[in-house]
């Protein structure tokens, strides 16, 4: 189970490091920087995000999923250009989540664009976080996008889980879409699985390609077989 206090600490540490780097880059810039007012405490932002990730309509996109994505970013961080910006994007990538809405990623990105400058991040850092959040619509980072590769691989790592964890994941997804009739859900889910299996690669980091690609394809194929039996 996710530990809200531990998550709160992880958020605060990440935001402090990102603020420091943002300010260092501004100081090194040849153009004058504006006078900064003290940034607000990270705790209020952590509490808001934790509340969002704890909303009652969530069954898979919960604090457990957030924790898992952050843990996977830790595994992959050497691949990223700025792992802390990837971590901030992980916090925001499903911060707005309603299963019956299609614009969750865009609304989550806009939330980041509002909150992060207020929290003390530079415009460039905020833009990168929002870009990464929007990338989770397709999970298709380019070959020259290491930050995007890390976030997308971390978000999809659940697909490579052991059989029992994968079964729990699929059950939770079904609960989130309980309002969809069974036949329609099976048809829609099967279409998503086929799209994933048709991709030349599910994972883009060296670690993800080596450790997760094979197990993920096995799980997806097995689920598709069950749905279409």
C-alpha atoms as a PDB file:
ATOM      1  CA  UNK A   1       0.000   0.000   0.000  1.00  0.00           C
ATOM      2  CA  UNK A   2       1.156   3.518  -0.766  1.00  0.00           C
ATOM      3  CA  UNK A   3       2.436   5.596   2.139  1.00  0.00           C
ATOM      4  CA  UNK A   4       1.111   9.183   1.870  1.00  0.00           C
ATOM      5  CA  UNK A   5       3.760  10.513   4.262  1.00  0.00           C
ATOM      6  CA  UNK A   6       6.553   8.930   2.229  1.00  0.00           C
ATOM      7  CA  UNK A   7       5.032  10.315  -0.964  1.00  0.00           C
ATOM      8  CA  UNK A   8       4.797  13.763   0.595  1.00  0.00           C
ATOM      9  CA  UNK A   9       8.513  13.614   1.393  1.00  0.00           C
ATOM     10  CA  UNK A  10       9.359  12.433  -2.115  1.00  0.00           C
ATOM     11  CA  UNK A  11       7.376  15.319  -3.613  1.00  0.00           C
ATOM     12  CA  UNK A  12       9.059  17.896  -1.380  1.00  0.00           C
ATOM     13  CA  UNK A  13      12.565  16.586  -2.094  1.00  0.00           C
ATOM     14  CA  UNK A  14      11.928  16.535  -5.840  1.00  0.00           C
ATOM     15  CA  UNK A  15      10.437  20.018  -5.915  1.00  0.00           C
ATOM     16  CA  UNK A  16      13.292  21.461  -3.832  1.00  0.00           C
ATOM     17  CA  UNK A  17      15.900  19.989  -6.185  1.00  0.00           C
ATOM     18  CA  UNK A  18      14.047  21.195  -9.273  1.00  0.00           C
ATOM     19  CA  UNK A  19      13.648  24.693  -7.829  1.00  0.00           C
ATOM     20  CA  UNK A  20      17.365  24.850  -7.071  1.00  0.00           C
ATOM     21  CA  UNK A  21      18.316  23.834 -10.590  1.00  0.00           C
ATOM     22  CA  UNK A  22      15.823  26.285 -12.101  1.00  0.00           C
ATOM     23  CA  UNK A  23      17.255  29.135 -10.050  1.00  0.00           C
ATOM     24  CA  UNK A  24      20.852  28.146 -10.852  1.00  0.00           C
ATOM     25  CA  UNK A  25      20.104  28.221 -14.558  1.00  0.00           C
ATOM     26  CA  UNK A  26      18.494  31.643 -14.262  1.00  0.00           C
ATOM     27  CA  UNK A  27      21.515  32.987 -12.382  1.00  0.00           C
ATOM     28  CA  UNK A  28      23.815  31.631 -15.094  1.00  0.00           C
ATOM     29  CA  UNK A  29      21.746  33.252 -17.843  1.00  0.00           C
ATOM     30  CA  UNK A  30      23.307  36.274 -19.590  1.00  0.00           C
ATOM     31  CA  UNK A  31      20.000  38.110 -19.379  1.00  0.00           C
ATOM     32  CA  UNK A  32      18.879  39.759 -16.147  1.00  0.00           C
ATOM     33  CA  UNK A  33      16.586  37.703 -13.949  1.00  0.00           C
ATOM     34  CA  UNK A  34      13.552  39.030 -12.184  1.00  0.00           C
ATOM     35  CA  UNK A  35      13.518  39.406  -8.454  1.00  0.00           C
ATOM     36  CA  UNK A  36      12.127  36.263  -6.901  1.00  0.00           C
ATOM     37  CA  UNK A  37       9.751  36.135  -4.010  1.00  0.00           C
ATOM     38  CA  UNK A  38      10.162  33.166  -1.664  1.00  0.00           C
ATOM     39  CA  UNK A  39       8.499  30.083  -3.123  1.00  0.00           C
ATOM     40  CA  UNK A  40       5.604  28.669  -1.107  1.00  0.00           C
ATOM     41  CA  UNK A  41       5.983  25.501   0.922  1.00  0.00           C
ATOM     42  CA  UNK A  42       5.777  22.268  -1.112  1.00  0.00           C
ATOM     43  CA  UNK A  43       3.412  20.676   1.410  1.00  0.00           C
ATOM     44  CA  UNK A  44       0.273  22.397   0.155  1.00  0.00           C
ATOM     45  CA  UNK A  45       0.919  21.152  -3.385  1.00  0.00           C
ATOM     46  CA  UNK A  46       1.639  17.640  -2.104  1.00  0.00           C
ATOM     47  CA  UNK A  47      -1.621  17.590  -0.174  1.00  0.00           C
ATOM     48  CA  UNK A  48      -3.591  18.740  -3.218  1.00  0.00           C
ATOM     49  CA  UNK A  49      -2.029  16.100  -5.449  1.00  0.00           C
ATOM     50  CA  UNK A  50      -2.428  13.328  -2.880  1.00  0.00           C
ATOM     51  CA  UNK A  51      -6.102  14.222  -2.548  1.00  0.00           C
ATOM     52  CA  UNK A  52      -6.528  14.060  -6.322  1.00  0.00           C
ATOM     53  CA  UNK A  53      -4.847  10.660  -6.537  1.00  0.00           C
ATOM     54  CA  UNK A  54      -7.147   9.401  -3.731  1.00  0.00           C
ATOM     55  CA  UNK A  55     -10.459  10.261  -5.402  1.00  0.00           C
ATOM     56  CA  UNK A  56     -13.170   7.608  -5.093  1.00  0.00           C
ATOM     57  CA  UNK A  57     -13.621   6.937  -8.821  1.00  0.00           C
ATOM     58  CA  UNK A  58     -10.093   5.552  -9.040  1.00  0.00           C
ATOM     59  CA  UNK A  59      -9.316   1.839  -8.855  1.00  0.00           C
ATOM     60  CA  UNK A  60      -6.069   1.554 -10.812  1.00  0.00           C
ATOM     61  CA  UNK A  61      -4.977   5.201 -11.150  1.00  0.00           C
ATOM     62  CA  UNK A  62      -4.401   5.487  -7.408  1.00  0.00           C
ATOM     63  CA  UNK A  63      -1.589   6.342  -5.021  1.00  0.00           C
ATOM     64  CA  UNK A  64      -0.297   2.805  -5.560  1.00  0.00           C
ATOM     65  CA  UNK A  65       0.088   3.513  -9.281  1.00  0.00           C
ATOM     66  CA  UNK A  66       1.779   6.843  -8.566  1.00  0.00           C
ATOM     67  CA  UNK A  67       4.212   5.117  -6.193  1.00  0.00           C
ATOM     68  CA  UNK A  68       4.960   2.427  -8.761  1.00  0.00           C
ATOM     69  CA  UNK A  69       5.663   4.968 -11.507  1.00  0.00           C
ATOM     70  CA  UNK A  70       7.981   6.952  -9.224  1.00  0.00           C
ATOM     71  CA  UNK A  71       9.782   3.740  -8.256  1.00  0.00           C
ATOM     72  CA  UNK A  72      10.233   2.854 -11.915  1.00  0.00           C
ATOM     73  CA  UNK A  73      11.575   6.336 -12.678  1.00  0.00           C
ATOM     74  CA  UNK A  74      14.156   5.703  -9.944  1.00  0.00           C
ATOM     75  CA  UNK A  75      15.196   2.528 -11.763  1.00  0.00           C
ATOM     76  CA  UNK A  76      15.472   4.336 -15.100  1.00  0.00           C
ATOM     77  CA  UNK A  77      16.790   7.715 -13.941  1.00  0.00           C
ATOM     78  CA  UNK A  78      20.256   7.348 -15.484  1.00  0.00           C
ATOM     79  CA  UNK A  79      18.631   7.428 -18.921  1.00  0.00           C
ATOM     80  CA  UNK A  80      16.851  10.769 -18.315  1.00  0.00           C
ATOM     81  CA  UNK A  81      18.292  14.213 -18.966  1.00  0.00           C
ATOM     82  CA  UNK A  82      16.491  15.549 -15.882  1.00  0.00           C
ATOM     83  CA  UNK A  83      14.998  12.762 -13.760  1.00  0.00           C
ATOM     84  CA  UNK A  84      13.428  15.192 -11.302  1.00  0.00           C
ATOM     85  CA  UNK A  85      11.360  16.827 -14.026  1.00  0.00           C
ATOM     86  CA  UNK A  86      10.287  13.325 -15.041  1.00  0.00           C
ATOM     87  CA  UNK A  87       9.294  12.683 -11.425  1.00  0.00           C
ATOM     88  CA  UNK A  88       7.231  15.861 -11.343  1.00  0.00           C
ATOM     89  CA  UNK A  89       5.558  14.767 -14.581  1.00  0.00           C
ATOM     90  CA  UNK A  90       4.761  11.416 -12.942  1.00  0.00           C
ATOM     91  CA  UNK A  91       2.994  13.284 -10.122  1.00  0.00           C
ATOM     92  CA  UNK A  92       0.879  15.235 -12.599  1.00  0.00           C
ATOM     93  CA  UNK A  93       0.342  12.689 -15.388  1.00  0.00           C
ATOM     94  CA  UNK A  94      -2.958  11.360 -13.984  1.00  0.00           C
ATOM     95  CA  UNK A  95      -3.649  14.103 -11.449  1.00  0.00           C
ATOM     96  CA  UNK A  96      -6.903  14.776 -13.294  1.00  0.00           C
ATOM     97  CA  UNK A  97      -8.628  11.463 -13.944  1.00  0.00           C
ATOM     98  CA  UNK A  98     -12.242  10.748 -14.795  1.00  0.00           C
ATOM     99  CA  UNK A  99     -12.714   7.389 -16.552  1.00  0.00           C
ATOM    100  CA  UNK A 100     -15.531   8.694 -18.744  1.00  0.00           C
ATOM    101  CA  UNK A 101     -13.538  11.680 -20.034  1.00  0.00           C
ATOM    102  CA  UNK A 102     -11.018  11.700 -22.883  1.00  0.00           C
ATOM    103  CA  UNK A 103      -9.097  14.874 -22.042  1.00  0.00           C
ATOM    104  CA  UNK A 104      -7.564  13.804 -18.736  1.00  0.00           C
ATOM    105  CA  UNK A 105      -3.959  14.173 -19.894  1.00  0.00           C
ATOM    106  CA  UNK A 106      -4.563  17.659 -21.287  1.00  0.00           C
ATOM    107  CA  UNK A 107      -6.293  18.783 -18.118  1.00  0.00           C
ATOM    108  CA  UNK A 108      -3.478  17.279 -16.043  1.00  0.00           C
ATOM    109  CA  UNK A 109      -0.892  19.140 -18.127  1.00  0.00           C
ATOM    110  CA  UNK A 110      -2.771  22.411 -17.664  1.00  0.00           C
ATOM    111  CA  UNK A 111      -2.863  21.789 -13.918  1.00  0.00           C
ATOM    112  CA  UNK A 112       0.936  21.465 -13.970  1.00  0.00           C
ATOM    113  CA  UNK A 113       1.217  24.671 -16.004  1.00  0.00           C
ATOM    114  CA  UNK A 114      -0.772  26.524 -13.342  1.00  0.00           C
ATOM    115  CA  UNK A 115       0.745  24.982 -10.235  1.00  0.00           C
ATOM    116  CA  UNK A 116       4.458  24.653 -10.957  1.00  0.00           C
ATOM    117  CA  UNK A 117       5.308  28.324 -11.660  1.00  0.00           C
ATOM    118  CA  UNK A 118       3.456  29.223  -8.473  1.00  0.00           C
ATOM    119  CA  UNK A 119       5.469  26.535  -6.675  1.00  0.00           C
ATOM    120  CA  UNK A 120       8.742  28.116  -7.805  1.00  0.00           C
ATOM    121  CA  UNK A 121       9.686  26.360 -11.047  1.00  0.00           C
ATOM    122  CA  UNK A 122      10.983  28.217 -14.076  1.00  0.00           C
ATOM    123  CA  UNK A 123       8.967  28.571 -17.267  1.00  0.00           C
ATOM    124  CA  UNK A 124      11.262  26.166 -19.115  1.00  0.00           C
ATOM    125  CA  UNK A 125      11.021  23.494 -16.414  1.00  0.00           C
ATOM    126  CA  UNK A 126       7.255  23.867 -16.248  1.00  0.00           C
ATOM    127  CA  UNK A 127       6.959  23.545 -20.024  1.00  0.00           C
ATOM    128  CA  UNK A 128       8.987  20.342 -19.972  1.00  0.00           C
ATOM    129  CA  UNK A 129       6.819  18.791 -17.264  1.00  0.00           C
ATOM    130  CA  UNK A 130       3.638  19.686 -19.156  1.00  0.00           C
ATOM    131  CA  UNK A 131       5.094  18.304 -22.398  1.00  0.00           C
ATOM    132  CA  UNK A 132       5.877  15.012 -20.670  1.00  0.00           C
ATOM    133  CA  UNK A 133       2.374  14.781 -19.224  1.00  0.00           C
ATOM    134  CA  UNK A 134       0.868  15.262 -22.691  1.00  0.00           C
ATOM    135  CA  UNK A 135       3.178  12.564 -24.046  1.00  0.00           C
ATOM    136  CA  UNK A 136       1.340   9.963 -21.972  1.00  0.00           C
ATOM    137  CA  UNK A 137      -1.565  10.225 -24.413  1.00  0.00           C
ATOM    138  CA  UNK A 138       0.421   8.187 -26.955  1.00  0.00           C
ATOM    139  CA  UNK A 139       3.366   6.779 -24.968  1.00  0.00           C
ATOM    140  CA  UNK A 140       5.383   7.300 -28.159  1.00  0.00           C
ATOM    141  CA  UNK A 141       8.518   9.306 -27.302  1.00  0.00           C
ATOM    142  CA  UNK A 142      10.983  10.082 -30.038  1.00  0.00           C
ATOM    143  CA  UNK A 143      14.448   8.544 -30.187  1.00  0.00           C
ATOM    144  CA  UNK A 144      16.013  11.818 -28.989  1.00  0.00           C
ATOM    145  CA  UNK A 145      13.682  12.267 -25.987  1.00  0.00           C
ATOM    146  CA  UNK A 146      15.258  10.504 -22.982  1.00  0.00           C
ATOM    147  CA  UNK A 147      12.947  12.214 -20.475  1.00  0.00           C
ATOM    148  CA  UNK A 148       9.919  11.075 -22.453  1.00  0.00           C
ATOM    149  CA  UNK A 149      11.285   7.568 -22.797  1.00  0.00           C
ATOM    150  CA  UNK A 150      11.739   7.254 -19.035  1.00  0.00           C
ATOM    151  CA  UNK A 151       8.264   8.535 -18.170  1.00  0.00           C
ATOM    152  CA  UNK A 152       6.499   6.401 -20.772  1.00  0.00           C
ATOM    153  CA  UNK A 153       8.406   3.259 -19.810  1.00  0.00           C
ATOM    154  CA  UNK A 154       7.748   3.873 -16.116  1.00  0.00           C
ATOM    155  CA  UNK A 155       4.039   4.363 -16.765  1.00  0.00           C
ATOM    156  CA  UNK A 156       3.735   1.177 -18.847  1.00  0.00           C
ATOM    157  CA  UNK A 157       5.933  -1.020 -16.651  1.00  0.00           C
ATOM    158  CA  UNK A 158       2.787  -2.525 -15.095  1.00  0.00           C
ATOM    159  CA  UNK A 159       2.325  -4.416 -18.370  1.00  0.00           C
ATOM    160  CA  UNK A 160       5.399  -6.505 -17.531  1.00  0.00           C
ATOM    161  CA  UNK A 161       4.203  -7.501 -14.057  1.00  0.00           C
ATOM    162  CA  UNK A 162       4.050 -11.090 -12.790  1.00  0.00           C
ATOM    163  CA  UNK A 163       0.786 -12.859 -13.622  1.00  0.00           C
ATOM    164  CA  UNK A 164      -0.981 -12.163 -10.312  1.00  0.00           C
ATOM    165  CA  UNK A 165      -0.098  -8.467 -10.325  1.00  0.00           C
ATOM    166  CA  UNK A 166      -1.133  -8.169 -13.973  1.00  0.00           C
ATOM    167  CA  UNK A 167      -4.475  -9.811 -13.169  1.00  0.00           C
ATOM    168  CA  UNK A 168      -5.010  -7.338 -10.326  1.00  0.00           C
ATOM    169  CA  UNK A 169      -4.211  -4.481 -12.728  1.00  0.00           C
ATOM    170  CA  UNK A 170      -6.724  -5.647 -15.334  1.00  0.00           C
ATOM    171  CA  UNK A 171      -9.384  -6.159 -12.652  1.00  0.00           C
ATOM    172  CA  UNK A 172      -8.824  -2.617 -11.353  1.00  0.00           C
ATOM    173  CA  UNK A 173      -9.090  -1.183 -14.857  1.00  0.00           C
ATOM    174  CA  UNK A 174     -12.381  -3.034 -15.324  1.00  0.00           C
ATOM    175  CA  UNK A 175     -13.670  -1.554 -12.047  1.00  0.00           C
ATOM    176  CA  UNK A 176     -12.829   1.955 -13.234  1.00  0.00           C
ATOM    177  CA  UNK A 177     -14.921   1.286 -16.335  1.00  0.00           C
ATOM    178  CA  UNK A 178     -17.768  -0.435 -14.523  1.00  0.00           C
ATOM    179  CA  UNK A 179     -20.210   1.892 -16.295  1.00  0.00           C
ATOM    180  CA  UNK A 180     -19.310   0.269 -19.647  1.00  0.00           C
ATOM    181  CA  UNK A 181     -21.371  -2.832 -20.575  1.00  0.00           C
ATOM    182  CA  UNK A 182     -19.358  -6.090 -20.639  1.00  0.00           C
ATOM    183  CA  UNK A 183     -19.461  -6.662 -24.399  1.00  0.00           C
ATOM    184  CA  UNK A 184     -18.479  -3.071 -25.155  1.00  0.00           C
ATOM    185  CA  UNK A 185     -15.657  -3.217 -22.622  1.00  0.00           C
ATOM    186  CA  UNK A 186     -14.258  -6.448 -24.069  1.00  0.00           C
ATOM    187  CA  UNK A 187     -14.359  -5.004 -27.574  1.00  0.00           C
ATOM    188  CA  UNK A 188     -12.710  -1.740 -26.548  1.00  0.00           C
ATOM    189  CA  UNK A 189     -10.079  -3.380 -24.377  1.00  0.00           C
ATOM    190  CA  UNK A 190      -9.228  -5.895 -27.093  1.00  0.00           C
ATOM    191  CA  UNK A 191      -8.737  -3.049 -29.575  1.00  0.00           C
ATOM    192  CA  UNK A 192      -6.325  -1.336 -27.186  1.00  0.00           C
ATOM    193  CA  UNK A 193      -4.373  -4.557 -26.673  1.00  0.00           C
ATOM    194  CA  UNK A 194      -4.074  -5.102 -30.421  1.00  0.00           C
ATOM    195  CA  UNK A 195      -2.814  -1.541 -30.886  1.00  0.00           C
ATOM    196  CA  UNK A 196      -0.170  -2.106 -28.223  1.00  0.00           C
ATOM    197  CA  UNK A 197       0.917  -5.437 -29.676  1.00  0.00           C
ATOM    198  CA  UNK A 198       1.182  -3.872 -33.143  1.00  0.00           C
ATOM    199  CA  UNK A 199       3.728  -1.330 -31.925  1.00  0.00           C
ATOM    200  CA  UNK A 200       7.305  -2.109 -32.964  1.00  0.00           C
ATOM    201  CA  UNK A 201       8.306  -1.649 -29.339  1.00  0.00           C
ATOM    202  CA  UNK A 202       6.466  -0.995 -26.095  1.00  0.00           C
ATOM    203  CA  UNK A 203       9.508   0.254 -24.181  1.00  0.00           C
ATOM    204  CA  UNK A 204      12.197   2.685 -25.247  1.00  0.00           C
ATOM    205  CA  UNK A 205      14.884   2.778 -22.556  1.00  0.00           C
ATOM    206  CA  UNK A 206      17.635   0.141 -22.642  1.00  0.00           C
ATOM    207  CA  UNK A 207      16.412  -1.291 -19.323  1.00  0.00           C
ATOM    208  CA  UNK A 208      12.785  -1.353 -20.392  1.00  0.00           C
ATOM    209  CA  UNK A 209      13.622  -3.019 -23.697  1.00  0.00           C
ATOM    210  CA  UNK A 210      15.744  -5.654 -21.976  1.00  0.00           C
ATOM    211  CA  UNK A 211      13.636  -6.380 -18.882  1.00  0.00           C
ATOM    212  CA  UNK A 212      10.024  -5.492 -19.702  1.00  0.00           C
ATOM    213  CA  UNK A 213       9.369  -5.937 -23.421  1.00  0.00           C
ATOM    214  CA  UNK A 214       9.097  -9.736 -23.423  1.00  0.00           C
ATOM    215  CA  UNK A 215       6.975 -10.134 -20.262  1.00  0.00           C
ATOM    216  CA  UNK A 216       4.673  -7.296 -21.337  1.00  0.00           C
ATOM    217  CA  UNK A 217       3.990  -8.839 -24.726  1.00  0.00           C
ATOM    218  CA  UNK A 218       3.287 -12.181 -23.074  1.00  0.00           C
ATOM    219  CA  UNK A 219       0.774 -10.578 -20.685  1.00  0.00           C
ATOM    220  CA  UNK A 220      -0.939  -8.595 -23.422  1.00  0.00           C
ATOM    221  CA  UNK A 221      -1.227 -11.639 -25.671  1.00  0.00           C
ATOM    222  CA  UNK A 222      -2.634 -13.750 -22.840  1.00  0.00           C
ATOM    223  CA  UNK A 223      -5.207 -11.108 -21.921  1.00  0.00           C
ATOM    224  CA  UNK A 224      -6.256 -10.703 -25.550  1.00  0.00           C
ATOM    225  CA  UNK A 225      -6.725 -14.459 -25.852  1.00  0.00           C
ATOM    226  CA  UNK A 226      -8.989 -14.473 -22.791  1.00  0.00           C
ATOM    227  CA  UNK A 227     -11.028 -11.502 -24.021  1.00  0.00           C
ATOM    228  CA  UNK A 228     -11.621 -12.998 -27.460  1.00  0.00           C
ATOM    229  CA  UNK A 229     -12.126 -16.639 -26.451  1.00  0.00           C
END
